Amino acid sequence: MTIKTTLSFTDRHHRFLSEKVDEGVFATRSAAVASAIEQMMQDDQEREIALSALADEIRARMQTTRSEYVDGEQVFSAARAAVEASRRR
């Protein structure tokens, strides 16, 4: 079902939409807005999946015994060295 609505845009946004329609990227301004909303919906879904996976990982790590802990300095030392090396270039 399609619902007709009125939207207001800044000049900058309107110009961008018009350019994309003129370039043939989108058939209409409405199609461009719909595509942007679809992307936002997909981003939200992916963010929820990532947060859920992160929460699961945190819960799993909370079950780790202290003897299995890994020293943070040791874990990140290689990454820090790579960053420092890239800064010197």
C-alpha atoms as a PDB file:
ATOM      1  CA  MET A   1       0.000   0.000   0.000  1.00  0.00           C
ATOM      2  CA  THR A   2       1.275   3.474  -0.840  1.00  0.00           C
ATOM      3  CA  ILE A   3       0.518   6.417   1.427  1.00  0.00           C
ATOM      4  CA  LYS A   4       0.826   9.931   0.129  1.00  0.00           C
ATOM      5  CA  THR A   5       2.534  12.358   2.482  1.00  0.00           C
ATOM      6  CA  THR A   6       4.148  15.766   2.385  1.00  0.00           C
ATOM      7  CA  LEU A   7       7.802  16.179   3.279  1.00  0.00           C
ATOM      8  CA  SER A   8       9.913  19.298   3.600  1.00  0.00           C
ATOM      9  CA  PHE A   9      13.591  19.407   2.667  1.00  0.00           C
ATOM     10  CA  THR A  10      16.367  21.908   2.959  1.00  0.00           C
ATOM     11  CA  ASP A  11      17.574  23.383  -0.311  1.00  0.00           C
ATOM     12  CA  ARG A  12      20.670  21.230  -0.056  1.00  0.00           C
ATOM     13  CA  HIS A  13      18.683  18.016   0.361  1.00  0.00           C
ATOM     14  CA  HIS A  14      16.239  18.913  -2.398  1.00  0.00           C
ATOM     15  CA  ARG A  15      19.105  19.713  -4.762  1.00  0.00           C
ATOM     16  CA  PHE A  16      20.794  16.392  -3.960  1.00  0.00           C
ATOM     17  CA  LEU A  17      17.575  14.448  -4.545  1.00  0.00           C
ATOM     18  CA  SER A  18      16.974  16.263  -7.816  1.00  0.00           C
ATOM     19  CA  GLU A  19      20.528  15.546  -8.983  1.00  0.00           C
ATOM     20  CA  LYS A  20      20.149  11.836  -8.243  1.00  0.00           C
ATOM     21  CA  VAL A  21      16.877  11.727 -10.177  1.00  0.00           C
ATOM     22  CA  ASP A  22      18.424  13.669 -13.075  1.00  0.00           C
ATOM     23  CA  GLU A  23      21.397  11.257 -13.103  1.00  0.00           C
ATOM     24  CA  GLY A  24      18.981   8.339 -13.317  1.00  0.00           C
ATOM     25  CA  VAL A  25      20.019   6.885  -9.984  1.00  0.00           C
ATOM     26  CA  PHE A  26      16.369   7.034  -8.878  1.00  0.00           C
ATOM     27  CA  ALA A  27      13.218   7.313 -10.947  1.00  0.00           C
ATOM     28  CA  THR A  28      11.651   9.903  -8.611  1.00  0.00           C
ATOM     29  CA  ARG A  29      12.402  11.846  -5.454  1.00  0.00           C
ATOM     30  CA  SER A  30       9.953   9.562  -3.672  1.00  0.00           C
ATOM     31  CA  ALA A  31      11.963   6.531  -4.770  1.00  0.00           C
ATOM     32  CA  ALA A  32      15.132   8.147  -3.420  1.00  0.00           C
ATOM     33  CA  VAL A  33      13.500   8.867  -0.050  1.00  0.00           C
ATOM     34  CA  ALA A  34      12.073   5.340   0.096  1.00  0.00           C
ATOM     35  CA  SER A  35      15.554   3.941  -0.610  1.00  0.00           C
ATOM     36  CA  ALA A  36      17.037   6.045   2.184  1.00  0.00           C
ATOM     37  CA  ILE A  37      14.377   4.837   4.609  1.00  0.00           C
ATOM     38  CA  GLU A  38      14.985   1.214   3.578  1.00  0.00           C
ATOM     39  CA  GLN A  39      18.703   1.733   4.247  1.00  0.00           C
ATOM     40  CA  MET A  40      17.909   3.183   7.684  1.00  0.00           C
ATOM     41  CA  MET A  41      15.711   0.172   8.441  1.00  0.00           C
ATOM     42  CA  GLN A  42      18.470  -2.214   7.366  1.00  0.00           C
ATOM     43  CA  ASP A  43      21.032  -0.280   9.440  1.00  0.00           C
ATOM     44  CA  ASP A  44      18.762  -0.533  12.488  1.00  0.00           C
ATOM     45  CA  GLN A  45      18.304  -4.267  11.991  1.00  0.00           C
ATOM     46  CA  GLU A  46      22.053  -4.835  11.573  1.00  0.00           C
ATOM     47  CA  ARG A  47      22.764  -2.697  14.660  1.00  0.00           C
ATOM     48  CA  GLU A  48      20.327  -4.792  16.712  1.00  0.00           C
ATOM     49  CA  ILE A  49      21.947  -8.012  15.482  1.00  0.00           C
ATOM     50  CA  ALA A  50      25.419  -6.684  16.323  1.00  0.00           C
ATOM     51  CA  LEU A  51      24.338  -5.520  19.788  1.00  0.00           C
ATOM     52  CA  SER A  52      22.694  -8.863  20.473  1.00  0.00           C
ATOM     53  CA  ALA A  53      25.838 -10.717  19.419  1.00  0.00           C
ATOM     54  CA  LEU A  54      27.937  -8.418  21.583  1.00  0.00           C
ATOM     55  CA  ALA A  55      25.655  -9.012  24.569  1.00  0.00           C
ATOM     56  CA  ASP A  56      25.906 -12.777  23.997  1.00  0.00           C
ATOM     57  CA  GLU A  57      29.699 -12.526  23.874  1.00  0.00           C
ATOM     58  CA  ILE A  58      29.802 -10.492  27.083  1.00  0.00           C
ATOM     59  CA  ARG A  59      27.567 -13.027  28.831  1.00  0.00           C
ATOM     60  CA  ALA A  60      29.814 -15.858  27.620  1.00  0.00           C
ATOM     61  CA  ARG A  61      32.967 -14.077  28.770  1.00  0.00           C
ATOM     62  CA  MET A  62      31.454 -13.436  32.179  1.00  0.00           C
ATOM     63  CA  GLN A  63      31.564 -17.217  32.625  1.00  0.00           C
ATOM     64  CA  THR A  64      35.347 -17.203  32.074  1.00  0.00           C
ATOM     65  CA  THR A  65      37.399 -18.050  35.128  1.00  0.00           C
ATOM     66  CA  ARG A  66      40.107 -15.635  36.259  1.00  0.00           C
ATOM     67  CA  SER A  67      42.787 -18.173  35.333  1.00  0.00           C
ATOM     68  CA  GLU A  68      41.667 -17.908  31.687  1.00  0.00           C
ATOM     69  CA  TYR A  69      41.860 -14.102  31.580  1.00  0.00           C
ATOM     70  CA  VAL A  70      44.217 -12.610  29.005  1.00  0.00           C
ATOM     71  CA  ASP A  71      46.302  -9.552  29.797  1.00  0.00           C
ATOM     72  CA  GLY A  72      45.031  -6.524  27.862  1.00  0.00           C
ATOM     73  CA  GLU A  73      48.518  -5.170  27.228  1.00  0.00           C
ATOM     74  CA  GLN A  74      49.542  -8.458  25.663  1.00  0.00           C
ATOM     75  CA  VAL A  75      46.415  -8.666  23.520  1.00  0.00           C
ATOM     76  CA  PHE A  76      46.657  -5.143  22.126  1.00  0.00           C
ATOM     77  CA  SER A  77      50.425  -4.731  21.903  1.00  0.00           C
ATOM     78  CA  ALA A  78      50.594  -5.891  18.277  1.00  0.00           C
ATOM     79  CA  ALA A  79      47.756  -3.573  17.293  1.00  0.00           C
ATOM     80  CA  ARG A  80      49.407  -0.615  19.041  1.00  0.00           C
ATOM     81  CA  ALA A  81      52.699  -1.376  17.307  1.00  0.00           C
ATOM     82  CA  ALA A  82      50.975  -1.475  13.905  1.00  0.00           C
ATOM     83  CA  VAL A  83      49.268   1.870  14.571  1.00  0.00           C
ATOM     84  CA  GLU A  84      52.541   3.461  15.674  1.00  0.00           C
ATOM     85  CA  ALA A  85      54.325   2.104  12.587  1.00  0.00           C
ATOM     86  CA  SER A  86      51.643   3.513  10.291  1.00  0.00           C
ATOM     87  CA  ARG A  87      51.948   6.946  11.944  1.00  0.00           C
ATOM     88  CA  ARG A  88      55.682   7.053  11.235  1.00  0.00           C
ATOM     89  CA  ARG A  89      55.161   6.635   7.491  1.00  0.00           C
END
